[in-house]
């Protein structure tokens, strides 16, 4: 199976082959700020199964774990489409919302639940 994630304007396309190894909801304040939502949702794919096409800008920050995470976003519309977690060097994380697919596999884990907005329930 091939899935395509895109930025809002369609300039950046990320092709992912196969099923995600992990789908995770993150409630940390950094993901809240990155997404403008009370959480972020990432699908992790093996690096070999991901191909990005289009221009990107990068932003790197240090996560709570001490490892760096490099976010790739569209320089035209600003959408964050994928990121590279140094802590998981063999994986690429792709924003689940960038697939715009209501049949996408649901999350299998939640992290940073201590920062979860009480009204932002996730069912999985």
N, C-alpha and C. Protein backbone atom coordinates (compact mmCIF):
# COMPACT_ATOMS: atom_id res chain seq x y z
N UNK A 1 0.84 -1.17 0.00
CA UNK A 1 0.00 0.00 0.00
C UNK A 1 0.89 1.24 0.00
N UNK A 2 0.51 2.23 -0.78
CA UNK A 2 1.20 3.52 -0.78
C UNK A 2 0.23 4.59 -0.31
N UNK A 3 0.73 5.44 0.59
CA UNK A 3 -0.06 6.58 1.07
C UNK A 3 0.73 7.84 0.80
N UNK A 4 0.02 8.91 0.45
CA UNK A 4 0.65 10.20 0.19
C UNK A 4 0.18 11.23 1.21
N UNK A 5 1.15 11.90 1.79
CA UNK A 5 0.88 13.03 2.70
C UNK A 5 1.33 14.28 1.96
N UNK A 6 0.55 15.36 2.08
CA UNK A 6 0.91 16.59 1.40
C UNK A 6 0.75 17.78 2.34
N UNK A 7 1.43 18.86 1.97
CA UNK A 7 1.23 20.12 2.68
C UNK A 7 -0.09 20.73 2.20
N UNK A 8 -0.47 21.85 2.75
CA UNK A 8 -1.74 22.49 2.38
C UNK A 8 -1.79 22.89 0.92
N UNK A 9 -0.68 23.37 0.38
CA UNK A 9 -0.69 23.84 -1.02
C UNK A 9 -0.35 22.74 -2.02
N UNK A 10 0.11 21.58 -1.55
CA UNK A 10 0.39 20.46 -2.44
C UNK A 10 1.79 20.44 -3.02
N UNK A 11 2.61 21.41 -2.71
CA UNK A 11 3.97 21.50 -3.24
C UNK A 11 4.86 20.39 -2.69
N UNK A 12 4.68 20.01 -1.41
CA UNK A 12 5.48 18.99 -0.75
C UNK A 12 4.65 17.72 -0.62
N UNK A 13 5.17 16.64 -1.16
CA UNK A 13 4.48 15.35 -1.12
C UNK A 13 5.41 14.32 -0.50
N UNK A 14 4.89 13.56 0.45
CA UNK A 14 5.65 12.48 1.09
C UNK A 14 4.93 11.18 0.79
N UNK A 15 5.63 10.28 0.10
CA UNK A 15 5.07 8.97 -0.24
C UNK A 15 5.56 7.95 0.78
N UNK A 16 4.60 7.23 1.36
CA UNK A 16 4.92 6.23 2.38
C UNK A 16 4.41 4.88 1.90
N UNK A 17 5.30 3.91 1.90
CA UNK A 17 4.93 2.55 1.48
C UNK A 17 4.68 1.69 2.70
N UNK A 18 3.63 0.87 2.62
CA UNK A 18 3.31 -0.04 3.70
C UNK A 18 2.54 0.62 4.82
N UNK A 19 2.34 -0.14 5.86
CA UNK A 19 1.62 0.34 7.04
C UNK A 19 2.59 1.03 7.99
N UNK A 20 2.12 2.01 8.75
CA UNK A 20 3.01 2.63 9.73
C UNK A 20 3.41 1.62 10.82
N UNK A 21 4.63 1.76 11.30
CA UNK A 21 5.09 0.90 12.39
C UNK A 21 4.44 1.30 13.71
N UNK A 22 4.09 2.60 13.81
CA UNK A 22 3.50 3.14 15.04
C UNK A 22 2.74 4.40 14.69
N UNK A 23 1.59 4.58 15.33
CA UNK A 23 0.85 5.84 15.24
C UNK A 23 0.69 6.34 16.67
N UNK A 24 1.17 7.55 16.92
CA UNK A 24 1.26 8.07 18.28
C UNK A 24 0.64 9.46 18.40
N UNK A 25 -0.11 9.66 19.47
CA UNK A 25 -0.66 10.97 19.81
C UNK A 25 0.26 11.58 20.86
N UNK A 26 0.67 12.82 20.64
CA UNK A 26 1.53 13.51 21.59
C UNK A 26 0.82 14.76 22.11
N UNK A 27 0.74 14.87 23.43
CA UNK A 27 0.08 16.02 24.06
C UNK A 27 1.07 17.05 24.58
N UNK A 28 2.36 16.93 24.25
CA UNK A 28 3.35 17.85 24.81
C UNK A 28 3.11 19.28 24.33
N UNK A 29 3.52 20.25 25.12
CA UNK A 29 3.34 21.65 24.72
C UNK A 29 4.00 22.00 23.39
N UNK A 30 5.14 21.37 23.09
CA UNK A 30 5.80 21.66 21.81
C UNK A 30 4.96 21.22 20.62
N UNK A 31 4.33 20.05 20.71
CA UNK A 31 3.44 19.59 19.63
C UNK A 31 2.19 20.46 19.55
N UNK A 32 1.69 20.90 20.70
CA UNK A 32 0.54 21.79 20.69
C UNK A 32 0.88 23.08 19.94
N UNK A 33 2.05 23.62 20.19
CA UNK A 33 2.46 24.86 19.51
C UNK A 33 2.73 24.61 18.04
N UNK A 34 3.35 23.47 17.71
CA UNK A 34 3.67 23.16 16.32
C UNK A 34 2.41 22.99 15.47
N UNK A 35 1.39 22.36 16.04
CA UNK A 35 0.19 22.06 15.26
C UNK A 35 -0.91 23.11 15.38
N UNK A 36 -0.88 23.89 16.47
CA UNK A 36 -2.00 24.79 16.73
C UNK A 36 -3.22 24.02 17.21
N UNK A 37 -3.01 22.81 17.67
CA UNK A 37 -4.05 21.90 18.14
C UNK A 37 -3.67 21.44 19.55
N UNK A 38 -4.57 20.81 20.28
CA UNK A 38 -4.20 20.34 21.61
C UNK A 38 -3.29 19.11 21.59
N UNK A 39 -2.96 18.58 20.41
CA UNK A 39 -2.06 17.44 20.30
C UNK A 39 -1.55 17.32 18.88
N UNK A 40 -0.52 16.52 18.73
CA UNK A 40 -0.02 16.16 17.42
C UNK A 40 -0.16 14.65 17.25
N UNK A 41 -0.33 14.21 16.02
CA UNK A 41 -0.43 12.77 15.75
C UNK A 41 0.58 12.43 14.67
N UNK A 42 1.45 11.49 14.98
CA UNK A 42 2.50 11.09 14.06
C UNK A 42 2.38 9.63 13.68
N UNK A 43 2.62 9.35 12.41
CA UNK A 43 2.74 7.98 11.92
C UNK A 43 4.22 7.75 11.65
N UNK A 44 4.78 6.74 12.27
CA UNK A 44 6.20 6.44 12.09
C UNK A 44 6.35 5.32 11.06
N UNK A 45 7.15 5.61 10.04
CA UNK A 45 7.44 4.65 8.98
C UNK A 45 8.94 4.40 8.94
N UNK A 46 9.36 3.19 8.54
CA UNK A 46 10.79 2.96 8.32
C UNK A 46 11.31 3.96 7.27
N UNK A 47 12.47 4.51 7.54
CA UNK A 47 13.07 5.52 6.66
C UNK A 47 13.10 5.05 5.20
N UNK A 48 13.39 3.78 4.97
CA UNK A 48 13.48 3.25 3.60
C UNK A 48 12.14 3.28 2.87
N UNK A 49 11.03 3.39 3.61
CA UNK A 49 9.69 3.37 3.01
C UNK A 49 9.11 4.75 2.78
N UNK A 50 9.92 5.80 2.95
CA UNK A 50 9.44 7.18 2.84
C UNK A 50 10.27 7.93 1.80
N UNK A 51 9.55 8.63 0.91
CA UNK A 51 10.22 9.46 -0.09
C UNK A 51 9.54 10.83 -0.11
N UNK A 52 10.32 11.87 0.12
CA UNK A 52 9.78 13.25 0.09
C UNK A 52 10.14 13.89 -1.24
N UNK A 53 9.16 14.58 -1.82
CA UNK A 53 9.36 15.31 -3.07
C UNK A 53 8.83 16.73 -2.89
N UNK A 54 9.66 17.68 -3.21
CA UNK A 54 9.28 19.09 -3.06
C UNK A 54 10.28 19.79 -2.16
N UNK A 55 10.17 21.08 -2.11
CA UNK A 55 11.06 21.89 -1.29
C UNK A 55 10.61 21.86 0.17
N UNK A 56 11.61 21.91 1.06
CA UNK A 56 11.30 21.99 2.49
C UNK A 56 12.20 23.02 3.14
N UNK A 57 11.74 23.53 4.24
CA UNK A 57 12.56 24.28 5.19
C UNK A 57 12.64 23.39 6.41
N UNK A 58 13.64 23.61 7.25
CA UNK A 58 13.85 22.77 8.42
C UNK A 58 13.90 23.60 9.69
N UNK A 59 13.42 22.97 10.74
CA UNK A 59 13.53 23.53 12.08
C UNK A 59 13.94 22.39 13.00
N UNK A 60 15.03 22.56 13.74
CA UNK A 60 15.51 21.53 14.65
C UNK A 60 15.40 22.03 16.08
N UNK A 61 14.88 21.17 16.95
CA UNK A 61 14.81 21.50 18.37
C UNK A 61 15.23 20.27 19.16
N UNK A 62 15.58 20.51 20.39
CA UNK A 62 15.93 19.41 21.29
C UNK A 62 14.68 18.99 22.05
N UNK A 63 14.39 17.70 22.00
CA UNK A 63 13.22 17.15 22.70
C UNK A 63 13.56 16.95 24.18
N UNK A 64 12.55 16.67 24.98
CA UNK A 64 12.75 16.41 26.40
C UNK A 64 13.73 15.26 26.63
N UNK A 65 13.80 14.34 25.68
CA UNK A 65 14.70 13.19 25.80
C UNK A 65 16.17 13.59 25.66
N UNK A 66 16.42 14.82 25.17
CA UNK A 66 17.78 15.27 24.91
C UNK A 66 18.21 15.06 23.47
N UNK A 67 17.41 14.32 22.71
CA UNK A 67 17.70 14.09 21.30
C UNK A 67 17.09 15.19 20.45
N UNK A 68 17.72 15.48 19.33
CA UNK A 68 17.18 16.48 18.41
C UNK A 68 16.09 15.89 17.52
N UNK A 69 15.18 16.74 17.12
CA UNK A 69 14.13 16.39 16.16
C UNK A 69 14.18 17.47 15.09
N UNK A 70 14.26 17.05 13.83
CA UNK A 70 14.29 18.00 12.72
C UNK A 70 12.96 17.93 11.98
N UNK A 71 12.24 19.04 11.98
CA UNK A 71 10.93 19.15 11.33
C UNK A 71 11.11 19.71 9.93
N UNK A 72 10.40 19.14 8.98
CA UNK A 72 10.43 19.60 7.60
C UNK A 72 9.05 20.18 7.27
N UNK A 73 9.06 21.42 6.82
CA UNK A 73 7.80 22.08 6.51
C UNK A 73 7.89 22.74 5.14
N UNK A 74 6.74 23.00 4.55
CA UNK A 74 6.66 23.63 3.23
C UNK A 74 7.02 25.11 3.37
N UNK A 75 7.96 25.60 2.54
CA UNK A 75 8.32 27.01 2.62
C UNK A 75 7.25 27.94 2.06
N UNK A 76 6.27 27.39 1.34
CA UNK A 76 5.21 28.21 0.76
C UNK A 76 4.02 28.37 1.69
N UNK A 77 3.48 27.23 2.20
CA UNK A 77 2.28 27.31 3.03
C UNK A 77 2.56 27.12 4.52
N UNK A 78 3.74 26.64 4.87
CA UNK A 78 4.13 26.48 6.27
C UNK A 78 3.71 25.18 6.93
N UNK A 79 3.05 24.29 6.22
CA UNK A 79 2.60 23.03 6.83
C UNK A 79 3.78 22.14 7.21
N UNK A 80 3.80 21.65 8.45
CA UNK A 80 4.77 20.64 8.85
C UNK A 80 4.25 19.30 8.36
N UNK A 81 5.03 18.62 7.52
CA UNK A 81 4.57 17.37 6.93
C UNK A 81 5.29 16.17 7.53
N UNK A 82 6.61 16.28 7.78
CA UNK A 82 7.32 15.15 8.34
C UNK A 82 8.48 15.63 9.20
N UNK A 83 9.00 14.71 10.02
CA UNK A 83 10.14 15.04 10.86
C UNK A 83 10.99 13.81 11.08
N UNK A 84 12.24 14.10 11.46
CA UNK A 84 13.24 13.06 11.69
C UNK A 84 13.65 13.10 13.15
N UNK A 85 13.22 12.10 13.93
CA UNK A 85 13.60 12.06 15.34
C UNK A 85 14.97 11.38 15.48
N UNK A 86 15.93 12.08 16.01
CA UNK A 86 17.27 11.52 16.21
C UNK A 86 17.21 10.29 17.11
N UNK A 87 16.24 10.27 18.02
CA UNK A 87 16.08 9.13 18.94
C UNK A 87 15.68 7.85 18.21
N UNK A 88 15.05 8.00 17.04
CA UNK A 88 14.64 6.85 16.22
C UNK A 88 15.22 7.05 14.82
N UNK A 89 16.53 6.87 14.65
CA UNK A 89 17.17 7.23 13.38
C UNK A 89 16.72 6.42 12.17
N UNK A 90 16.12 5.27 12.39
CA UNK A 90 15.65 4.45 11.27
C UNK A 90 14.22 4.76 10.86
N UNK A 91 13.61 5.77 11.52
CA UNK A 91 12.20 6.08 11.27
C UNK A 91 12.03 7.53 10.82
N UNK A 92 10.96 7.75 10.07
CA UNK A 92 10.50 9.08 9.70
C UNK A 92 9.09 9.21 10.26
N UNK A 93 8.80 10.32 10.91
CA UNK A 93 7.46 10.59 11.43
C UNK A 93 6.74 11.49 10.43
N UNK A 94 5.51 11.15 10.12
CA UNK A 94 4.70 11.92 9.18
C UNK A 94 3.43 12.35 9.89
N UNK A 95 3.07 13.61 9.73
CA UNK A 95 1.85 14.13 10.36
C UNK A 95 0.64 13.40 9.79
N UNK A 96 -0.12 12.76 10.64
CA UNK A 96 -1.28 11.98 10.18
C UNK A 96 -2.28 12.88 9.46
N UNK A 97 -2.46 14.11 9.93
CA UNK A 97 -3.39 15.03 9.26
C UNK A 97 -2.99 15.34 7.83
N UNK A 98 -1.71 15.23 7.50
CA UNK A 98 -1.25 15.52 6.14
C UNK A 98 -1.71 14.46 5.14
N UNK A 99 -2.14 13.31 5.64
CA UNK A 99 -2.71 12.29 4.75
C UNK A 99 -4.16 12.62 4.40
N UNK A 100 -4.84 13.37 5.26
CA UNK A 100 -6.25 13.73 5.05
C UNK A 100 -7.06 12.50 4.66
N UNK A 101 -6.89 11.42 5.42
CA UNK A 101 -7.52 10.15 5.11
C UNK A 101 -8.23 9.63 6.36
N UNK A 102 -9.57 9.68 6.38
CA UNK A 102 -10.29 9.23 7.57
C UNK A 102 -10.18 7.73 7.82
N UNK A 103 -9.64 6.97 6.87
CA UNK A 103 -9.46 5.53 7.07
C UNK A 103 -8.05 5.19 7.56
N UNK A 104 -7.24 6.23 7.83
CA UNK A 104 -5.87 5.98 8.30
C UNK A 104 -5.91 5.21 9.61
N UNK A 105 -4.95 4.32 9.86
CA UNK A 105 -4.96 3.56 11.11
C UNK A 105 -4.97 4.47 12.34
N UNK A 106 -5.70 4.09 13.37
CA UNK A 106 -5.80 4.92 14.57
C UNK A 106 -4.52 4.86 15.41
N UNK A 107 -4.39 5.80 16.34
CA UNK A 107 -3.23 5.77 17.23
C UNK A 107 -3.21 4.51 18.08
N UNK A 108 -2.00 4.05 18.37
CA UNK A 108 -1.84 2.90 19.25
C UNK A 108 -1.21 3.31 20.58
N UNK A 109 -0.80 4.57 20.69
CA UNK A 109 -0.26 5.07 21.96
C UNK A 109 -0.49 6.56 22.09
N UNK A 110 -0.45 7.02 23.35
CA UNK A 110 -0.49 8.45 23.68
C UNK A 110 0.68 8.74 24.59
N UNK A 111 1.31 9.89 24.38
CA UNK A 111 2.41 10.30 25.25
C UNK A 111 2.16 11.71 25.77
N UNK A 112 2.79 12.04 26.87
CA UNK A 112 2.64 13.33 27.55
C UNK A 112 1.19 13.60 27.93
N UNK A 113 0.54 12.58 28.43
CA UNK A 113 -0.86 12.72 28.82
C UNK A 113 -1.06 13.71 29.95
N UNK A 114 -0.02 14.02 30.70
CA UNK A 114 -0.16 15.01 31.77
C UNK A 114 -0.45 16.40 31.21
N UNK A 115 -0.21 16.61 29.92
CA UNK A 115 -0.49 17.89 29.27
C UNK A 115 -1.78 17.85 28.43
N UNK A 116 -2.49 16.73 28.49
CA UNK A 116 -3.71 16.58 27.69
C UNK A 116 -4.77 17.56 28.15
N UNK A 117 -5.40 18.23 27.21
CA UNK A 117 -6.55 19.08 27.53
C UNK A 117 -7.69 18.14 27.95
N UNK A 118 -8.36 18.43 29.05
CA UNK A 118 -9.38 17.51 29.55
C UNK A 118 -10.51 17.21 28.56
N UNK A 119 -10.78 18.14 27.67
CA UNK A 119 -11.86 17.96 26.71
C UNK A 119 -11.39 17.28 25.43
N UNK A 120 -10.10 17.03 25.30
CA UNK A 120 -9.54 16.47 24.06
C UNK A 120 -9.35 14.97 24.19
N UNK A 121 -10.45 14.25 24.25
CA UNK A 121 -10.39 12.82 24.38
C UNK A 121 -9.98 12.14 23.08
N UNK A 122 -9.21 11.10 23.20
CA UNK A 122 -8.79 10.30 22.06
C UNK A 122 -9.32 8.91 22.30
N UNK A 123 -10.02 8.35 21.34
CA UNK A 123 -10.49 6.98 21.50
C UNK A 123 -9.68 6.11 20.54
N UNK A 124 -9.14 5.06 21.08
CA UNK A 124 -8.39 4.11 20.25
C UNK A 124 -8.45 2.74 20.86
